[in-house]
Amino acid sequence: MGILVQKFGGTSVASVEKMNEVCNIIEQYKKKGNDLVIVVSAMGRKGEPYATDTLINLCTNVNKKTKKRELDLIMSCGEIISGTILTSMLEGRGIPAVFLTGMQAGVITTKVFSNSKIKEINPTRIQRELDEGKVVVIAGFQGGTEDGEVTTLGRGGSDTSAVAIGKALGCETVQIYTDVDGIMTADPRIEPSAKILDYCDYEEVFQMAEKGAKVIHPRAVELAKNGDIVLEIKNTLNPTCKGTRIGLTRCVVGDYEDFQSRFMTSVAHKDNIAQVKVRSSEELFSKILNEMEEKYINLDMINFFTEEKAFALDQNNISIVEKILQKYDVKYDIRRQCAKVTLIGSKVTETPGVIAKVVRALSKAGITLLQSSDSYTSLTCLVKEEDMIETVHAIHKEFSNQ
């Protein structure tokens, strides 16, 4: 039946009990005749013994200036721990399996510690193990440079690992297992009426990931699109649920008429945002933007008004931005504790009156719209962080039945 890559996230491998569920899934697919490559994240989430953040703290607690090279080495241990345990459990069930680190699996990266990019993947070792009838378990989130340095791929790197490995092996499908039944129209933890989406196209999911929805890493979506790979988002604890299929419309859509009529795909949200307003000439503002770009600061929602320019950014970068603004001696205002709430759908910008409906919905809920911006498939609203959840409710309610 060909090679299938399955990626299991931290919640799926958080304990031996959860790993037993993973083994059940692997066993079922193996019985169907699939050659399986399993990509794993570190065990659990922040605060748990072998989670990535816990491993980082082992170093930073003794030296807050620990070098990124050493941090990559200790971070890579998380996936090695979960991978070796899972492999041992599969072997205990009589399923031949082998575990490979990212470097052993042929993942070659750039030499940018803690945020490397994959340069290439040599799948020779993976293919050899598959040819011997083994399930190949691979540590996600990591790789190595051509001169043997261990590197990590940044947050969400296991998704990227899985898709990149799938592309190198010529897979048509990569499955991403998590703790929800699929991608939903909003985060179900804050929007109880959120519904599961049967399918999405790459651009919609890319927008969702970029705008804060924790479904799959944007880099992984981009790789899948370039490789024409269908992604399936599935629930480890409910594996019979079909989940959400992501890909080109011709590959993933079941009911095309329903797809054409769908207006809203999702409402995504992201907190810890700051709004900056700068009063300067366009020439000077251009220099400010260039310097921010040199310091790898991502800006969003850039609006040019008559007397000022406004933009949003991650609140963690405010101190760097302030130094740049002070260097150019411009007047500026910073509003902290903001949030972005984004309406995503393929018809958002081509449909008249969308922003008017959003403004009315927010006004009715007593929410002040600080700023807005749109792209081909999205409309983003900047609001106070305290209003974020109510903004999600208001926008989701306004468009969920369209």
Protein backbone atom coordinates (compact mmCIF):
# COMPACT_ATOMS: atom_id res chain seq x y z
CA MET A 1 0.00 0.00 0.00
CA GLY A 2 3.01 2.29 -0.01
CA ILE A 3 4.73 4.32 2.69
CA LEU A 4 2.68 6.24 5.25
CA VAL A 5 4.20 8.82 7.61
CA GLN A 6 2.41 9.30 10.93
CA LYS A 7 3.39 12.04 13.37
CA PHE A 8 2.42 11.83 17.04
CA GLY A 9 2.57 15.01 19.12
CA GLY A 10 3.56 15.52 22.73
CA THR A 11 0.12 14.77 24.18
CA SER A 12 -0.03 11.51 22.20
CA VAL A 13 3.22 10.22 23.74
CA ALA A 14 2.90 11.85 27.16
CA SER A 15 2.69 8.55 29.06
CA VAL A 16 2.99 4.79 28.61
CA GLU A 17 -0.82 4.61 28.58
CA LYS A 18 -1.01 7.12 25.72
CA MET A 19 1.79 5.32 23.88
CA ASN A 20 -0.24 2.11 24.09
CA GLU A 21 -2.94 3.89 22.09
CA VAL A 22 -0.28 4.94 19.58
CA CYS A 23 0.90 1.32 19.32
CA ASN A 24 -2.70 0.23 18.64
CA ILE A 25 -2.95 2.69 15.75
CA ILE A 26 0.41 1.62 14.32
CA GLU A 27 -0.56 -2.06 14.62
CA GLN A 28 -3.84 -1.51 12.75
CA TYR A 29 -2.14 0.30 9.86
CA LYS A 30 0.64 -2.28 9.76
CA LYS A 31 -1.96 -5.05 9.39
CA LYS A 32 -3.35 -3.21 6.36
CA GLY A 33 0.02 -3.62 4.65
CA ASN A 34 1.41 -0.10 5.09
CA ASP A 35 5.13 0.60 5.41
CA LEU A 36 5.16 2.95 8.39
CA VAL A 37 7.42 5.83 9.35
CA ILE A 38 6.53 7.27 12.77
CA VAL A 39 7.71 10.77 13.74
CA VAL A 40 7.47 11.61 17.46
CA SER A 41 7.58 14.73 19.60
CA ALA A 42 8.91 14.94 23.16
CA MET A 43 6.75 13.50 25.94
CA GLY A 44 4.04 15.81 27.26
CA ARG A 45 3.88 19.56 27.65
CA LYS A 46 5.46 22.26 29.78
CA GLY A 47 6.08 21.15 33.36
CA GLU A 48 6.22 17.44 32.64
CA PRO A 49 9.54 15.63 33.30
CA TYR A 50 10.75 15.10 29.71
CA ALA A 51 8.96 17.97 27.94
CA THR A 52 11.16 20.32 25.89
CA ASP A 53 10.71 23.26 28.27
CA THR A 54 11.67 21.09 31.24
CA LEU A 55 14.88 20.00 29.50
CA ILE A 56 15.75 23.60 28.62
CA ASN A 57 15.30 24.61 32.25
CA LEU A 58 17.85 22.03 33.37
CA CYS A 59 20.48 24.19 31.67
CA THR A 60 19.07 27.69 32.11
CA ASN A 61 18.52 27.14 35.82
CA VAL A 62 22.28 26.79 36.27
CA ASN A 63 23.31 29.28 33.58
CA LYS A 64 20.80 31.68 32.03
CA LYS A 65 23.27 32.36 29.20
CA THR A 66 23.62 28.74 28.10
CA LYS A 67 24.68 28.66 24.45
CA LYS A 68 22.11 27.65 21.85
CA ARG A 69 24.36 24.81 20.70
CA GLU A 70 24.14 23.14 24.10
CA LEU A 71 20.42 23.90 24.35
CA ASP A 72 19.87 22.10 21.05
CA LEU A 73 21.70 19.08 22.39
CA ILE A 74 19.56 18.83 25.51
CA MET A 75 16.34 19.67 23.64
CA SER A 76 16.99 16.85 21.18
CA CYS A 77 16.89 14.38 24.10
CA GLY A 78 13.12 14.77 24.51
CA GLU A 79 12.28 13.14 21.18
CA ILE A 80 15.00 10.52 21.70
CA ILE A 81 13.39 9.50 25.00
CA SER A 82 9.87 9.19 23.57
CA GLY A 83 11.11 7.50 20.40
CA THR A 84 13.14 4.82 22.14
CA ILE A 85 10.31 4.02 24.56
CA LEU A 86 7.78 3.73 21.72
CA THR A 87 10.14 1.54 19.71
CA SER A 88 10.65 -0.75 22.72
CA MET A 89 6.88 -1.04 23.17
CA LEU A 90 6.39 -1.98 19.51
CA GLU A 91 9.12 -4.61 19.74
CA GLY A 92 7.42 -5.94 22.89
CA ARG A 93 4.28 -6.50 20.82
CA GLY A 94 6.23 -8.46 18.25
CA ILE A 95 6.29 -5.61 15.73
CA PRO A 96 9.81 -5.17 14.29
CA ALA A 97 10.86 -1.54 14.81
CA VAL A 98 13.94 0.66 14.87
CA PHE A 99 14.51 4.13 16.27
CA LEU A 100 16.53 6.81 14.44
CA THR A 101 17.57 10.28 15.57
CA GLY A 102 17.03 13.07 13.07
CA MET A 103 20.65 12.89 11.96
CA GLN A 104 20.56 9.09 11.62
CA ALA A 105 17.44 9.49 9.48
CA GLY A 106 19.37 11.72 7.07
CA VAL A 107 17.89 15.09 8.03
CA ILE A 108 20.50 17.71 7.04
CA THR A 109 19.89 21.25 8.29
CA THR A 110 21.38 24.72 8.29
CA LYS A 111 23.66 25.63 11.18
CA VAL A 112 21.24 27.94 12.97
CA PHE A 113 20.87 26.51 16.45
CA SER A 114 17.34 26.39 17.89
CA ASN A 115 15.73 27.45 14.60
CA SER A 116 17.35 25.49 11.77
CA LYS A 117 15.87 24.92 8.34
CA ILE A 118 15.98 21.57 6.58
CA LYS A 119 18.35 21.69 3.59
CA GLU A 120 17.80 18.14 2.39
CA ILE A 121 16.85 14.67 3.53
CA ASN A 122 18.72 11.55 2.44
CA PRO A 123 16.16 8.76 2.98
CA THR A 124 18.54 5.88 2.23
CA ARG A 125 18.71 4.63 5.84
CA ILE A 126 14.95 4.96 6.33
CA GLN A 127 14.24 3.04 3.12
CA ARG A 128 16.69 0.30 4.04
CA GLU A 129 14.99 -0.27 7.39
CA LEU A 130 11.55 -0.27 5.73
CA ASP A 131 12.76 -2.84 3.19
CA GLU A 132 13.64 -5.08 6.14
CA GLY A 133 10.02 -4.92 7.29
CA LYS A 134 10.53 -2.60 10.25
CA VAL A 135 8.43 0.26 11.52
CA VAL A 136 10.84 3.21 11.49
CA VAL A 137 10.44 5.57 14.45
CA ILE A 138 12.18 8.93 13.99
CA ALA A 139 12.83 11.80 16.39
CA GLY A 140 11.01 14.87 15.09
CA PHE A 141 12.09 18.49 15.67
CA GLN A 142 15.76 17.75 15.00
CA GLY A 143 18.45 17.09 12.45
CA GLY A 144 22.12 17.74 11.99
CA THR A 145 24.54 19.82 9.97
CA GLU A 146 26.94 18.45 7.39
CA ASP A 147 29.76 18.71 9.94
CA GLY A 148 27.87 16.71 12.59
CA GLU A 149 26.30 19.35 14.84
CA VAL A 150 22.91 18.47 16.35
CA THR A 151 20.27 21.12 15.56
CA THR A 152 16.58 21.71 16.30
CA LEU A 153 13.94 23.17 14.00
CA GLY A 154 12.11 25.58 16.30
CA ARG A 155 8.61 25.32 17.76
CA GLY A 156 6.36 23.00 15.80
CA GLY A 157 9.42 21.40 14.25
CA SER A 158 8.08 17.85 14.52
CA ASP A 159 5.30 18.71 12.06
CA THR A 160 7.95 20.02 9.69
CA SER A 161 10.06 16.89 10.17
CA ALA A 162 7.11 14.61 9.35
CA VAL A 163 6.12 16.42 6.15
CA ALA A 164 9.72 16.81 4.96
CA ILE A 165 10.36 13.08 5.52
CA GLY A 166 7.10 12.26 3.74
CA LYS A 167 8.16 14.39 0.78
CA ALA A 168 11.60 12.72 0.64
CA LEU A 169 9.94 9.29 0.60
CA GLY A 170 7.40 10.24 -2.06
CA CYS A 171 4.37 9.85 0.23
CA GLU A 172 0.93 11.00 -0.92
CA THR A 173 -0.38 11.39 2.66
CA VAL A 174 1.05 12.38 6.05
CA GLN A 175 -1.06 11.92 9.16
CA ILE A 176 -0.70 14.33 12.10
CA TYR A 177 -2.08 12.88 15.35
CA THR A 178 -3.00 15.20 18.19
CA ASP A 179 -5.58 15.44 21.01
CA VAL A 180 -8.54 16.82 19.00
CA ASP A 181 -10.76 15.26 16.30
CA GLY A 182 -9.53 17.65 13.62
CA ILE A 183 -9.29 21.31 12.70
CA MET A 184 -12.23 23.28 14.04
CA THR A 185 -13.94 26.55 13.18
CA ALA A 186 -12.48 28.01 16.41
CA ASP A 187 -10.61 26.83 19.49
CA PRO A 188 -13.21 24.63 21.23
CA ARG A 189 -11.75 25.54 24.61
CA ILE A 190 -13.11 29.08 24.23
CA GLU A 191 -15.84 28.66 21.59
CA PRO A 192 -18.23 25.84 22.56
CA SER A 193 -20.13 25.99 19.25
CA ALA A 194 -16.99 25.31 17.17
CA LYS A 195 -17.40 22.57 14.56
CA ILE A 196 -14.96 20.14 12.95
CA LEU A 197 -13.96 20.92 9.37
CA ASP A 198 -13.92 17.90 7.07
CA TYR A 199 -11.43 19.56 4.72
CA CYS A 200 -9.36 22.72 4.18
CA ASP A 201 -7.06 23.92 1.45
CA TYR A 202 -3.41 24.72 2.14
CA GLU A 203 -3.85 28.50 2.11
CA GLU A 204 -6.66 28.44 4.66
CA VAL A 205 -4.66 26.29 7.08
CA PHE A 206 -1.52 28.36 6.51
CA GLN A 207 -3.49 31.46 7.47
CA MET A 208 -4.92 29.71 10.53
CA ALA A 209 -1.47 28.65 11.73
CA GLU A 210 0.02 32.11 11.06
CA LYS A 211 -2.84 33.81 12.91
CA GLY A 212 -2.54 31.75 16.08
CA ALA A 213 -4.56 28.55 15.62
CA LYS A 214 -2.42 25.75 17.07
CA VAL A 215 -3.22 23.14 14.44
CA ILE A 216 -0.03 22.58 12.46
CA HIS A 217 3.15 24.57 11.91
CA PRO A 218 3.05 26.96 8.89
CA ARG A 219 6.38 25.62 7.61
CA ALA A 220 4.90 22.12 7.48
CA VAL A 221 1.88 23.36 5.49
CA GLU A 222 4.17 25.08 3.00
CA LEU A 223 6.21 21.90 2.55
CA ALA A 224 3.05 19.84 2.05
CA LYS A 225 1.81 22.26 -0.60
CA ASN A 226 5.13 22.20 -2.45
CA GLY A 227 5.15 18.40 -2.37
CA ASP A 228 1.43 18.01 -3.18
CA ILE A 229 1.02 15.97 0.02
CA VAL A 230 -2.39 15.54 1.64
CA LEU A 231 -2.30 16.11 5.39
CA GLU A 232 -4.74 14.37 7.72
CA ILE A 233 -5.29 15.81 11.22
CA LYS A 234 -6.50 12.97 13.48
CA ASN A 235 -7.13 12.24 17.16
CA THR A 236 -4.94 9.63 18.85
CA LEU A 237 -7.70 8.83 21.34
CA ASN A 238 -10.42 8.69 18.67
CA PRO A 239 -8.61 7.21 15.65
CA THR A 240 -11.77 6.07 13.83
CA CYS A 241 -12.86 9.72 13.44
CA LYS A 242 -11.97 10.77 9.90
CA GLY A 243 -10.52 14.09 11.09
CA THR A 244 -9.65 16.93 8.71
CA ARG A 245 -8.01 16.54 5.30
CA ILE A 246 -5.77 19.35 4.04
CA GLY A 247 -4.67 19.70 0.45
CA LEU A 248 -5.60 20.84 -3.02
CA THR A 249 -9.37 21.00 -3.50
CA ARG A 250 -9.36 18.17 -6.05
CA CYS A 251 -7.62 15.87 -3.53
CA VAL A 252 -9.50 16.49 -0.30
CA VAL A 253 -13.02 17.75 -0.96
CA GLY A 254 -15.85 15.26 -0.62
CA ASP A 255 -18.86 17.52 -1.12
CA TYR A 256 -17.66 20.18 -3.58
CA GLU A 257 -20.98 22.04 -3.48
CA ASP A 258 -20.69 22.37 0.29
CA PHE A 259 -17.09 23.57 -0.09
CA GLN A 260 -18.13 26.24 -2.62
CA SER A 261 -20.88 27.55 -0.34
CA ARG A 262 -18.71 27.75 2.77
CA PHE A 263 -17.89 31.33 3.77
CA MET A 264 -16.08 30.99 7.09
CA THR A 265 -13.35 28.43 7.59
CA SER A 266 -12.19 29.46 11.04
CA VAL A 267 -11.75 32.20 13.63
CA ALA A 268 -8.18 32.20 14.96
CA HIS A 269 -6.77 34.21 17.84
CA LYS A 270 -3.38 35.22 19.21
CA ASP A 271 -2.64 37.10 22.44
CA ASN A 272 0.52 38.80 23.76
CA ILE A 273 0.36 41.40 20.98
CA ALA A 274 1.31 45.09 21.15
CA GLN A 275 0.19 47.97 18.93
CA VAL A 276 2.70 50.65 18.00
CA LYS A 277 1.81 54.04 16.49
CA VAL A 278 4.62 56.13 15.04
CA ARG A 279 4.54 59.77 13.90
CA SER A 280 7.24 60.28 11.28
CA SER A 281 7.79 60.93 7.59
CA GLU A 282 7.44 58.00 5.21
CA GLU A 283 11.14 58.19 4.39
CA LEU A 284 12.13 57.92 8.05
CA PHE A 285 9.55 55.21 8.71
CA SER A 286 11.02 53.20 5.84
CA LYS A 287 14.43 53.30 7.57
CA ILE A 288 12.81 52.17 10.82
CA LEU A 289 11.16 49.23 9.05
CA ASN A 290 14.47 48.25 7.43
CA GLU A 291 16.22 48.16 10.79
CA MET A 292 13.46 46.05 12.33
CA GLU A 293 13.76 43.63 9.43
CA GLU A 294 17.52 43.37 10.02
CA LYS A 295 16.78 42.36 13.61
CA TYR A 296 14.28 39.69 12.44
CA ILE A 297 11.26 41.40 14.02
CA ASN A 298 8.02 40.40 12.34
CA LEU A 299 5.47 43.18 11.96
CA ASP A 300 1.82 42.73 11.10
CA MET A 301 -1.23 44.88 10.30
CA ILE A 302 0.85 47.80 9.00
CA ASN A 303 -1.49 50.74 8.30
CA PHE A 304 -0.53 54.18 6.95
CA PHE A 305 -2.71 57.02 8.21
CA THR A 306 -2.43 60.74 7.46
CA GLU A 307 -0.52 61.63 10.61
CA GLU A 308 0.82 58.29 11.82
CA LYS A 309 1.75 54.74 10.96
CA ALA A 310 0.46 51.81 13.00
CA PHE A 311 1.52 48.18 13.24
CA ALA A 312 1.23 45.17 15.53
CA LEU A 313 3.93 42.81 16.77
CA ASP A 314 4.74 40.21 19.37
CA GLN A 315 4.90 41.93 22.75
CA ASN A 316 8.19 40.19 23.55
CA ASN A 317 9.94 42.37 20.93
CA ILE A 318 8.83 45.71 22.36
CA SER A 319 12.13 46.55 24.09
CA ILE A 320 14.07 46.13 20.82
CA VAL A 321 11.54 48.21 18.90
CA GLU A 322 11.65 51.00 21.47
CA LYS A 323 15.43 51.26 21.14
CA ILE A 324 15.08 51.61 17.37
CA LEU A 325 12.36 54.27 17.67
CA GLN A 326 14.40 56.20 20.25
CA LYS A 327 17.45 56.02 17.98
CA TYR A 328 15.50 57.85 15.24
CA ASP A 329 14.01 60.29 17.75
CA VAL A 330 10.41 59.87 16.58
CA LYS A 331 7.24 60.25 18.60
CA TYR A 332 5.44 57.00 19.25
CA ASP A 333 2.79 55.32 21.41
CA ILE A 334 2.71 51.70 22.50
CA ARG A 335 -0.42 49.88 23.59
CA ARG A 336 0.39 46.59 25.31
CA GLN A 337 -1.86 43.63 26.12
CA CYS A 338 -3.62 43.43 22.79
CA ALA A 339 -4.83 40.43 20.80
CA LYS A 340 -5.47 39.57 17.16
CA VAL A 341 -8.67 37.78 16.17
CA THR A 342 -8.82 36.69 12.53
CA LEU A 343 -11.73 35.61 10.36
CA ILE A 344 -10.43 33.15 7.75
CA GLY A 345 -12.22 31.96 4.62
CA SER A 346 -11.71 31.82 0.87
CA LYS A 347 -14.48 34.38 0.23
CA VAL A 348 -13.68 36.93 2.95
CA THR A 349 -12.32 39.73 0.78
CA GLU A 350 -14.49 39.10 -2.28
CA THR A 351 -17.73 39.40 -0.28
CA PRO A 352 -19.11 42.95 0.17
CA GLY A 353 -19.94 44.19 3.67
CA VAL A 354 -17.79 41.80 5.71
CA ILE A 355 -15.96 44.52 7.68
CA ALA A 356 -19.29 46.29 8.32
CA LYS A 357 -20.73 43.09 9.79
CA VAL A 358 -17.63 42.64 11.97
CA VAL A 359 -17.83 46.23 13.25
CA ARG A 360 -21.53 45.84 14.07
CA ALA A 361 -20.95 42.52 15.84
CA LEU A 362 -18.12 43.94 17.96
CA SER A 363 -20.05 47.12 18.72
CA LYS A 364 -23.04 45.07 19.87
CA ALA A 365 -20.71 43.16 22.22
CA GLY A 366 -19.21 46.41 23.56
CA ILE A 367 -15.79 45.73 22.03
CA THR A 368 -13.55 48.48 20.63
CA LEU A 369 -11.85 47.69 17.32
CA LEU A 370 -8.34 49.16 17.56
CA GLN A 371 -7.17 48.34 14.05
CA SER A 372 -7.91 45.98 11.16
CA SER A 373 -6.20 44.56 8.10
CA ASP A 374 -7.09 42.02 5.43
CA SER A 375 -5.50 39.66 2.96
CA TYR A 376 -6.97 37.52 0.20
CA THR A 377 -8.45 34.98 2.62
CA SER A 378 -8.56 36.74 5.99
CA LEU A 379 -9.68 39.75 8.00
CA THR A 380 -7.74 40.49 11.21
CA CYS A 381 -9.06 42.59 14.09
CA LEU A 382 -6.83 44.06 16.78
CA VAL A 383 -8.59 44.34 20.15
CA LYS A 384 -7.69 44.61 23.82
CA GLU A 385 -6.48 41.29 25.20
CA GLU A 386 -9.30 41.34 27.77
CA ASP A 387 -11.79 41.39 24.87
CA MET A 388 -10.19 38.54 22.89
CA ILE A 389 -12.54 35.72 23.89
CA GLU A 390 -15.67 37.82 23.44
CA THR A 391 -14.37 38.90 20.01
CA VAL A 392 -13.99 35.25 18.99
CA HIS A 393 -17.55 34.58 20.17
CA ALA A 394 -18.96 37.62 18.34
CA ILE A 395 -17.26 36.94 14.99
CA HIS A 396 -17.89 33.17 15.10
CA LYS A 397 -21.59 33.74 15.84
CA GLU A 398 -21.90 36.35 13.08
CA PHE A 399 -20.47 34.16 10.30
CA SER A 400 -20.90 30.51 11.37
CA ASN A 401 -24.16 30.06 9.48
CA GLN A 402 -23.09 31.75 6.23
